[in-house]
Amino acid sequence: MYPRLYSLIDNSCYKWGVPDEASSESRATILRLIEESGTPLNVFDLTERTGLHANTVRGHLDVLLSTNVISRQPERATSRGRPRWLYGTAAAQPSPYQQLAEVLATELSRIGDDAATRVGDLWANLLPPLTAAQTPDEAVQEAAAALDQLGFSTSVNPAGDTITVTNCPYEALVADNPVICDIHASLVARVLAQIGQPVTLDSMDVWARPGLCQAHLLRSDLIPTRTIRAADLDPEGKHS
């Protein structure tokens, strides 16, 4: 269970003449049962599984509903009388920022291919001033640090020609709005250009693994002394 949910449960002000700690523990148990259930549960399901009185269960459910961690819907009536309420987990609602980002990304997709480049350039100009890099390695680290400032998590491979990017703040949006990835690629390219070292963006692998992207860089200072290709090897793996 997420820590925020525990906090919401612990900070609720319901009291039924029992210690707050016991009350909070009961609500946590009810929430866990609802989360682990494959189908919504009614009050009597929860009463049977917790051993609590039905009125106590209803009180705990009211607290959970007030903090938006669960939802409820009326049970489909099979007989006359008031239908029972069914309780399930609350669907995650996008934040206003996520909604705005999705709308903007949709509109950018309609404008044209160069829209992502222009937005990436503008975004790069809004970043804090970049430290002048003295070497290509420093330039790569500066580019990675710029992405970190935007909420990503980055790491640079030992050769310094690949930046691995995780923890994308826009991960929930990119599947339906791939232009967001184009903007990020343009941002990386612009940041590298501003640093002034001979390092440029060659390509961006989007979701090389789920939640992981890789920016591949071109560096004129990385020149291998020799390249052995698999096609040049004999079946025993020896160089021919």
C-alpha atoms as a PDB file:
ATOM      1  CA  MET A   1       0.000   0.000   0.000  1.00  0.00           C
ATOM      2  CA  TYR A   2       1.253   3.467  -0.763  1.00  0.00           C
ATOM      3  CA  PRO A   3       2.520   5.600   2.156  1.00  0.00           C
ATOM      4  CA  ARG A   4       0.178   8.438   1.142  1.00  0.00           C
ATOM      5  CA  LEU A   5      -2.807   6.177   1.657  1.00  0.00           C
ATOM      6  CA  TYR A   6      -1.611   5.237   5.130  1.00  0.00           C
ATOM      7  CA  SER A   7      -1.224   8.919   5.919  1.00  0.00           C
ATOM      8  CA  LEU A   8      -4.748   9.685   4.766  1.00  0.00           C
ATOM      9  CA  ILE A   9      -6.088   6.832   6.850  1.00  0.00           C
ATOM     10  CA  ASP A  10      -4.066   7.765   9.949  1.00  0.00           C
ATOM     11  CA  ASN A  11      -5.006  11.443   9.777  1.00  0.00           C
ATOM     12  CA  SER A  12      -8.758  10.882   9.476  1.00  0.00           C
ATOM     13  CA  CYS A  13     -10.834  12.169  12.355  1.00  0.00           C
ATOM     14  CA  TYR A  14     -13.369   9.372  12.783  1.00  0.00           C
ATOM     15  CA  LYS A  15     -13.688   8.108  16.342  1.00  0.00           C
ATOM     16  CA  TRP A  16     -15.923   5.331  17.613  1.00  0.00           C
ATOM     17  CA  GLY A  17     -14.787   5.179  21.199  1.00  0.00           C
ATOM     18  CA  VAL A  18     -11.753   3.069  20.311  1.00  0.00           C
ATOM     19  CA  PRO A  19      -8.094   4.108  20.275  1.00  0.00           C
ATOM     20  CA  ASP A  20      -7.001   5.909  17.105  1.00  0.00           C
ATOM     21  CA  GLU A  21      -4.318   3.278  16.502  1.00  0.00           C
ATOM     22  CA  ALA A  22      -6.848   0.436  16.516  1.00  0.00           C
ATOM     23  CA  SER A  23      -9.245   2.448  14.352  1.00  0.00           C
ATOM     24  CA  SER A  24      -6.515   3.187  11.825  1.00  0.00           C
ATOM     25  CA  GLU A  25      -5.463  -0.457  11.756  1.00  0.00           C
ATOM     26  CA  SER A  26      -9.040  -1.542  11.053  1.00  0.00           C
ATOM     27  CA  ARG A  27      -9.348   0.889   8.154  1.00  0.00           C
ATOM     28  CA  ALA A  28      -6.024  -0.298   6.758  1.00  0.00           C
ATOM     29  CA  THR A  29      -7.306  -3.880   6.924  1.00  0.00           C
ATOM     30  CA  ILE A  30     -10.531  -2.954   5.140  1.00  0.00           C
ATOM     31  CA  LEU A  31      -8.608  -1.101   2.443  1.00  0.00           C
ATOM     32  CA  ARG A  32      -6.281  -4.064   1.960  1.00  0.00           C
ATOM     33  CA  LEU A  33      -9.229  -6.452   1.611  1.00  0.00           C
ATOM     34  CA  ILE A  34     -10.819  -4.198  -1.008  1.00  0.00           C
ATOM     35  CA  GLU A  35      -7.546  -3.833  -2.930  1.00  0.00           C
ATOM     36  CA  GLU A  36      -6.836  -7.567  -2.910  1.00  0.00           C
ATOM     37  CA  SER A  37     -10.362  -8.588  -3.874  1.00  0.00           C
ATOM     38  CA  GLY A  38     -10.922  -9.365  -7.522  1.00  0.00           C
ATOM     39  CA  THR A  39     -14.468  -7.989  -7.323  1.00  0.00           C
ATOM     40  CA  PRO A  40     -16.116  -5.159  -5.341  1.00  0.00           C
ATOM     41  CA  LEU A  41     -17.223  -6.022  -1.803  1.00  0.00           C
ATOM     42  CA  ASN A  42     -20.312  -5.018   0.160  1.00  0.00           C
ATOM     43  CA  VAL A  43     -20.538  -4.174   3.852  1.00  0.00           C
ATOM     44  CA  PHE A  44     -21.508  -7.706   4.835  1.00  0.00           C
ATOM     45  CA  ASP A  45     -18.559  -9.190   2.927  1.00  0.00           C
ATOM     46  CA  LEU A  46     -16.253  -6.949   4.943  1.00  0.00           C
ATOM     47  CA  THR A  47     -18.082  -7.647   8.203  1.00  0.00           C
ATOM     48  CA  GLU A  48     -17.588 -11.370   7.715  1.00  0.00           C
ATOM     49  CA  ARG A  49     -13.891 -11.009   6.856  1.00  0.00           C
ATOM     50  CA  THR A  50     -12.969  -8.540   9.595  1.00  0.00           C
ATOM     51  CA  GLY A  51     -15.262  -9.574  12.444  1.00  0.00           C
ATOM     52  CA  LEU A  52     -16.297  -5.940  12.906  1.00  0.00           C
ATOM     53  CA  HIS A  53     -19.868  -4.742  13.404  1.00  0.00           C
ATOM     54  CA  ALA A  54     -21.596  -3.584  10.210  1.00  0.00           C
ATOM     55  CA  ASN A  55     -21.999  -0.023  11.517  1.00  0.00           C
ATOM     56  CA  THR A  56     -18.298   0.127  12.352  1.00  0.00           C
ATOM     57  CA  VAL A  57     -17.421  -1.088   8.859  1.00  0.00           C
ATOM     58  CA  ARG A  58     -19.696   1.559   7.340  1.00  0.00           C
ATOM     59  CA  GLY A  59     -17.940   4.249   9.366  1.00  0.00           C
ATOM     60  CA  HIS A  60     -14.525   3.111   8.155  1.00  0.00           C
ATOM     61  CA  LEU A  61     -15.789   3.004   4.577  1.00  0.00           C
ATOM     62  CA  ASP A  62     -17.053   6.578   4.883  1.00  0.00           C
ATOM     63  CA  VAL A  63     -13.555   7.681   5.888  1.00  0.00           C
ATOM     64  CA  LEU A  64     -11.966   5.849   2.957  1.00  0.00           C
ATOM     65  CA  LEU A  65     -14.519   7.339   0.567  1.00  0.00           C
ATOM     66  CA  SER A  66     -13.836  10.843   1.888  1.00  0.00           C
ATOM     67  CA  THR A  67     -10.125  10.447   1.113  1.00  0.00           C
ATOM     68  CA  ASN A  68     -10.859   9.123  -2.409  1.00  0.00           C
ATOM     69  CA  VAL A  69      -8.900   5.891  -1.974  1.00  0.00           C
ATOM     70  CA  ILE A  70     -11.960   3.736  -2.690  1.00  0.00           C
ATOM     71  CA  SER A  71     -15.115   4.136  -4.759  1.00  0.00           C
ATOM     72  CA  ARG A  72     -18.604   2.705  -4.481  1.00  0.00           C
ATOM     73  CA  GLN A  73     -21.422   1.794  -6.822  1.00  0.00           C
ATOM     74  CA  PRO A  74     -24.894   0.335  -6.254  1.00  0.00           C
ATOM     75  CA  GLU A  75     -25.226  -3.403  -6.621  1.00  0.00           C
ATOM     76  CA  ARG A  76     -27.418  -4.509  -9.511  1.00  0.00           C
ATOM     77  CA  ALA A  77     -30.819  -5.135  -7.990  1.00  0.00           C
ATOM     78  CA  THR A  78     -32.078  -8.717  -8.132  1.00  0.00           C
ATOM     79  CA  SER A  79     -35.081  -8.108  -5.889  1.00  0.00           C
ATOM     80  CA  ARG A  80     -37.161  -5.265  -4.538  1.00  0.00           C
ATOM     81  CA  GLY A  81     -35.708  -2.929  -1.972  1.00  0.00           C
ATOM     82  CA  ARG A  82     -32.739  -0.636  -1.709  1.00  0.00           C
ATOM     83  CA  PRO A  83     -29.651  -2.064  -3.479  1.00  0.00           C
ATOM     84  CA  ARG A  84     -26.478  -2.619  -1.494  1.00  0.00           C
ATOM     85  CA  TRP A  85     -23.371  -0.544  -2.078  1.00  0.00           C
ATOM     86  CA  LEU A  86     -20.345  -2.266  -3.571  1.00  0.00           C
ATOM     87  CA  TYR A  87     -16.900  -0.932  -2.665  1.00  0.00           C
ATOM     88  CA  GLY A  88     -13.825  -1.153  -4.871  1.00  0.00           C
ATOM     89  CA  THR A  89     -10.540   0.630  -5.474  1.00  0.00           C
ATOM     90  CA  ALA A  90     -10.751   4.167  -6.822  1.00  0.00           C
ATOM     91  CA  ALA A  91      -9.571   4.720 -10.372  1.00  0.00           C
ATOM     92  CA  ALA A  92      -6.540   7.007 -10.536  1.00  0.00           C
ATOM     93  CA  GLN A  93      -7.514  10.422 -11.831  1.00  0.00           C
ATOM     94  CA  PRO A  94      -5.038  12.414 -13.923  1.00  0.00           C
ATOM     95  CA  SER A  95      -3.832  15.644 -12.389  1.00  0.00           C
ATOM     96  CA  PRO A  96      -4.690  18.957 -14.078  1.00  0.00           C
ATOM     97  CA  TYR A  97      -1.075  19.137 -15.258  1.00  0.00           C
ATOM     98  CA  GLN A  98      -1.336  15.703 -16.873  1.00  0.00           C
ATOM     99  CA  GLN A  99      -4.575  16.691 -18.563  1.00  0.00           C
ATOM    100  CA  LEU A 100      -3.024  19.892 -19.903  1.00  0.00           C
ATOM    101  CA  ALA A 101       0.082  18.040 -21.096  1.00  0.00           C
ATOM    102  CA  GLU A 102      -2.082  15.530 -22.950  1.00  0.00           C
ATOM    103  CA  VAL A 103      -4.121  18.269 -24.642  1.00  0.00           C
ATOM    104  CA  LEU A 104      -0.992  20.156 -25.694  1.00  0.00           C
ATOM    105  CA  ALA A 105       0.684  16.993 -26.970  1.00  0.00           C
ATOM    106  CA  THR A 106      -2.387  16.134 -29.032  1.00  0.00           C
ATOM    107  CA  GLU A 107      -2.405  19.580 -30.622  1.00  0.00           C
ATOM    108  CA  LEU A 108       1.343  19.484 -31.299  1.00  0.00           C
ATOM    109  CA  SER A 109       0.901  16.191 -33.135  1.00  0.00           C
ATOM    110  CA  ARG A 110      -1.484  17.928 -35.515  1.00  0.00           C
ATOM    111  CA  ILE A 111       0.750  20.930 -36.226  1.00  0.00           C
ATOM    112  CA  GLY A 112       3.596  19.157 -37.995  1.00  0.00           C
ATOM    113  CA  ASP A 113       6.894  17.351 -37.627  1.00  0.00           C
ATOM    114  CA  ASP A 114       8.888  20.476 -36.763  1.00  0.00           C
ATOM    115  CA  ALA A 115       6.643  21.390 -33.819  1.00  0.00           C
ATOM    116  CA  ALA A 116       8.476  19.016 -31.465  1.00  0.00           C
ATOM    117  CA  THR A 117      11.817  20.516 -32.487  1.00  0.00           C
ATOM    118  CA  ARG A 118      10.624  24.052 -31.816  1.00  0.00           C
ATOM    119  CA  VAL A 119       9.154  23.118 -28.435  1.00  0.00           C
ATOM    120  CA  GLY A 120      12.314  21.240 -27.448  1.00  0.00           C
ATOM    121  CA  ASP A 121      14.404  24.274 -28.363  1.00  0.00           C
ATOM    122  CA  LEU A 122      12.181  26.601 -26.338  1.00  0.00           C
ATOM    123  CA  TRP A 123      12.226  24.241 -23.375  1.00  0.00           C
ATOM    124  CA  ALA A 124      16.018  24.057 -23.425  1.00  0.00           C
ATOM    125  CA  ASN A 125      16.165  27.858 -23.308  1.00  0.00           C
ATOM    126  CA  LEU A 126      14.106  27.833 -20.090  1.00  0.00           C
ATOM    127  CA  LEU A 127      16.590  25.627 -18.237  1.00  0.00           C
ATOM    128  CA  PRO A 128      19.003  27.189 -15.727  1.00  0.00           C
ATOM    129  CA  PRO A 129      22.254  28.345 -17.357  1.00  0.00           C
ATOM    130  CA  LEU A 130      24.429  25.384 -18.243  1.00  0.00           C
ATOM    131  CA  THR A 131      27.976  25.117 -16.958  1.00  0.00           C
ATOM    132  CA  ALA A 132      30.519  25.443 -19.737  1.00  0.00           C
ATOM    133  CA  ALA A 133      31.906  21.967 -20.380  1.00  0.00           C
ATOM    134  CA  GLN A 134      35.651  21.653 -20.821  1.00  0.00           C
ATOM    135  CA  THR A 135      35.563  18.121 -22.243  1.00  0.00           C
ATOM    136  CA  PRO A 136      33.100  15.905 -24.126  1.00  0.00           C
ATOM    137  CA  ASP A 137      32.659  13.804 -20.976  1.00  0.00           C
ATOM    138  CA  GLU A 138      31.606  16.904 -19.046  1.00  0.00           C
ATOM    139  CA  ALA A 139      29.192  17.802 -21.840  1.00  0.00           C
ATOM    140  CA  VAL A 140      27.459  14.428 -21.559  1.00  0.00           C
ATOM    141  CA  GLN A 141      27.205  14.780 -17.779  1.00  0.00           C
ATOM    142  CA  GLU A 142      25.724  18.275 -18.209  1.00  0.00           C
ATOM    143  CA  ALA A 143      23.072  16.931 -20.582  1.00  0.00           C
ATOM    144  CA  ALA A 144      22.199  14.158 -18.129  1.00  0.00           C
ATOM    145  CA  ALA A 145      22.005  16.676 -15.267  1.00  0.00           C
ATOM    146  CA  ALA A 146      19.617  18.838 -17.312  1.00  0.00           C
ATOM    147  CA  LEU A 147      17.259  15.866 -17.657  1.00  0.00           C
ATOM    148  CA  ASP A 148      17.547  15.167 -13.925  1.00  0.00           C
ATOM    149  CA  GLN A 149      16.412  18.735 -13.230  1.00  0.00           C
ATOM    150  CA  LEU A 150      13.253  18.037 -15.228  1.00  0.00           C
ATOM    151  CA  GLY A 151      12.323  15.053 -13.056  1.00  0.00           C
ATOM    152  CA  PHE A 152      13.945  12.216 -15.000  1.00  0.00           C
ATOM    153  CA  SER A 153      16.537   9.822 -13.605  1.00  0.00           C
ATOM    154  CA  THR A 154      19.623   9.349 -15.753  1.00  0.00           C
ATOM    155  CA  SER A 155      22.837   7.381 -15.904  1.00  0.00           C
ATOM    156  CA  VAL A 156      25.733   7.535 -18.355  1.00  0.00           C
ATOM    157  CA  ASN A 157      27.514   4.425 -19.604  1.00  0.00           C
ATOM    158  CA  PRO A 158      31.297   4.091 -19.060  1.00  0.00           C
ATOM    159  CA  ALA A 159      32.087   5.057 -22.664  1.00  0.00           C
ATOM    160  CA  GLY A 160      30.071   8.243 -22.260  1.00  0.00           C
ATOM    161  CA  ASP A 161      28.121   7.794 -25.477  1.00  0.00           C
ATOM    162  CA  THR A 162      24.754   6.651 -24.079  1.00  0.00           C
ATOM    163  CA  ILE A 163      22.457   8.322 -21.556  1.00  0.00           C
ATOM    164  CA  THR A 164      19.914   5.947 -20.037  1.00  0.00           C
ATOM    165  CA  VAL A 165      16.726   7.746 -18.986  1.00  0.00           C
ATOM    166  CA  THR A 166      14.165   6.362 -16.520  1.00  0.00           C
ATOM    167  CA  ASN A 167      11.465   7.717 -14.194  1.00  0.00           C
ATOM    168  CA  CYS A 168       9.797   9.679 -16.994  1.00  0.00           C
ATOM    169  CA  PRO A 169       7.284  12.166 -15.514  1.00  0.00           C
ATOM    170  CA  TYR A 170       5.178  11.748 -18.675  1.00  0.00           C
ATOM    171  CA  GLU A 171       5.238   7.950 -18.862  1.00  0.00           C
ATOM    172  CA  ALA A 172       1.454   7.679 -18.609  1.00  0.00           C
ATOM    173  CA  LEU A 173       1.030   9.928 -21.661  1.00  0.00           C
ATOM    174  CA  VAL A 174       3.679   8.832 -24.147  1.00  0.00           C
ATOM    175  CA  ALA A 175       1.886   5.731 -25.436  1.00  0.00           C
ATOM    176  CA  ASP A 176      -0.921   7.855 -26.886  1.00  0.00           C
ATOM    177  CA  ASN A 177       1.213  10.954 -27.480  1.00  0.00           C
ATOM    178  CA  PRO A 178       4.590   9.920 -28.963  1.00  0.00           C
ATOM    179  CA  VAL A 179       5.319  13.550 -29.823  1.00  0.00           C
ATOM    180  CA  ILE A 180       6.309  13.955 -26.157  1.00  0.00           C
ATOM    181  CA  CYS A 181       9.313  11.693 -26.798  1.00  0.00           C
ATOM    182  CA  ASP A 182      10.188  13.737 -29.891  1.00  0.00           C
ATOM    183  CA  ILE A 183      10.210  16.860 -27.722  1.00  0.00           C
ATOM    184  CA  HIS A 184      12.546  15.226 -25.209  1.00  0.00           C
ATOM    185  CA  ALA A 185      14.904  14.116 -27.975  1.00  0.00           C
ATOM    186  CA  SER A 186      14.942  17.650 -29.355  1.00  0.00           C
ATOM    187  CA  LEU A 187      15.624  18.972 -25.865  1.00  0.00           C
ATOM    188  CA  VAL A 188      18.670  16.704 -25.467  1.00  0.00           C
ATOM    189  CA  ALA A 189      19.970  17.732 -28.896  1.00  0.00           C
ATOM    190  CA  ARG A 190      19.583  21.431 -28.088  1.00  0.00           C
ATOM    191  CA  VAL A 191      21.250  21.108 -24.670  1.00  0.00           C
ATOM    192  CA  LEU A 192      24.245  19.373 -26.236  1.00  0.00           C
ATOM    193  CA  ALA A 193      24.462  22.073 -28.898  1.00  0.00           C
ATOM    194  CA  GLN A 194      24.459  24.806 -26.249  1.00  0.00           C
ATOM    195  CA  ILE A 195      27.287  23.199 -24.292  1.00  0.00           C
ATOM    196  CA  GLY A 196      29.635  23.577 -27.232  1.00  0.00           C
ATOM    197  CA  GLN A 197      31.554  20.297 -27.214  1.00  0.00           C
ATOM    198  CA  PRO A 198      31.771  17.897 -30.192  1.00  0.00           C
ATOM    199  CA  VAL A 199      28.933  15.722 -28.871  1.00  0.00           C
ATOM    200  CA  THR A 200      25.612  15.392 -30.694  1.00  0.00           C
ATOM    201  CA  LEU A 201      22.497  13.268 -30.400  1.00  0.00           C
ATOM    202  CA  ASP A 202      22.559  10.362 -32.840  1.00  0.00           C
ATOM    203  CA  SER A 203      19.301   8.621 -31.895  1.00  0.00           C
ATOM    204  CA  MET A 204      16.848   8.045 -29.066  1.00  0.00           C
ATOM    205  CA  ASP A 205      15.559   4.558 -28.301  1.00  0.00           C
ATOM    206  CA  VAL A 206      12.109   4.967 -26.751  1.00  0.00           C
ATOM    207  CA  TRP A 207      11.254   2.287 -24.220  1.00  0.00           C
ATOM    208  CA  ALA A 208      14.138  -0.010 -25.037  1.00  0.00           C
ATOM    209  CA  ARG A 209      12.619  -1.676 -21.998  1.00  0.00           C
ATOM    210  CA  PRO A 210       9.381  -0.594 -20.325  1.00  0.00           C
ATOM    211  CA  GLY A 211       9.988   2.770 -18.692  1.00  0.00           C
ATOM    212  CA  LEU A 212      13.551   3.031 -20.033  1.00  0.00           C
ATOM    213  CA  CYS A 213      14.837   5.161 -22.917  1.00  0.00           C
ATOM    214  CA  GLN A 214      18.367   5.549 -24.255  1.00  0.00           C
ATOM    215  CA  ALA A 215      19.920   8.576 -25.931  1.00  0.00           C
ATOM    216  CA  HIS A 216      22.793   7.467 -28.171  1.00  0.00           C
ATOM    217  CA  LEU A 217      25.427  10.123 -28.778  1.00  0.00           C
ATOM    218  CA  LEU A 218      28.009  10.778 -31.472  1.00  0.00           C
ATOM    219  CA  ARG A 219      31.434  11.775 -30.168  1.00  0.00           C
ATOM    220  CA  SER A 220      34.341  12.569 -32.437  1.00  0.00           C
ATOM    221  CA  ASP A 221      36.792  11.794 -29.620  1.00  0.00           C
ATOM    222  CA  LEU A 222      35.676   8.160 -29.343  1.00  0.00           C
ATOM    223  CA  ILE A 223      37.599   6.349 -32.055  1.00  0.00           C
ATOM    224  CA  PRO A 224      38.209   2.635 -31.450  1.00  0.00           C
ATOM    225  CA  THR A 225      41.601   1.314 -32.462  1.00  0.00           C
ATOM    226  CA  ARG A 226      39.918  -1.699 -33.993  1.00  0.00           C
ATOM    227  CA  THR A 227      36.409  -3.028 -34.612  1.00  0.00           C
ATOM    228  CA  ILE A 228      35.747  -6.767 -34.830  1.00  0.00           C
ATOM    229  CA  ARG A 229      32.464  -7.706 -36.457  1.00  0.00           C
ATOM    230  CA  ALA A 230      30.663 -10.962 -35.749  1.00  0.00           C
ATOM    231  CA  ALA A 231      30.435 -11.703 -39.477  1.00  0.00           C
ATOM    232  CA  ASP A 232      34.241 -11.788 -39.616  1.00  0.00           C
ATOM    233  CA  LEU A 233      34.504 -14.517 -36.981  1.00  0.00           C
ATOM    234  CA  ASP A 234      34.699 -18.229 -37.790  1.00  0.00           C
ATOM    235  CA  PRO A 235      32.194 -20.654 -36.166  1.00  0.00           C
ATOM    236  CA  GLU A 236      34.589 -21.281 -33.260  1.00  0.00           C
ATOM    237  CA  GLY A 237      34.583 -17.582 -32.461  1.00  0.00           C
ATOM    238  CA  LYS A 238      38.138 -16.914 -33.639  1.00  0.00           C
ATOM    239  CA  HIS A 239      38.959 -13.906 -35.766  1.00  0.00           C
ATOM    240  CA  SER A 240      39.611 -14.954 -39.361  1.00  0.00           C
END
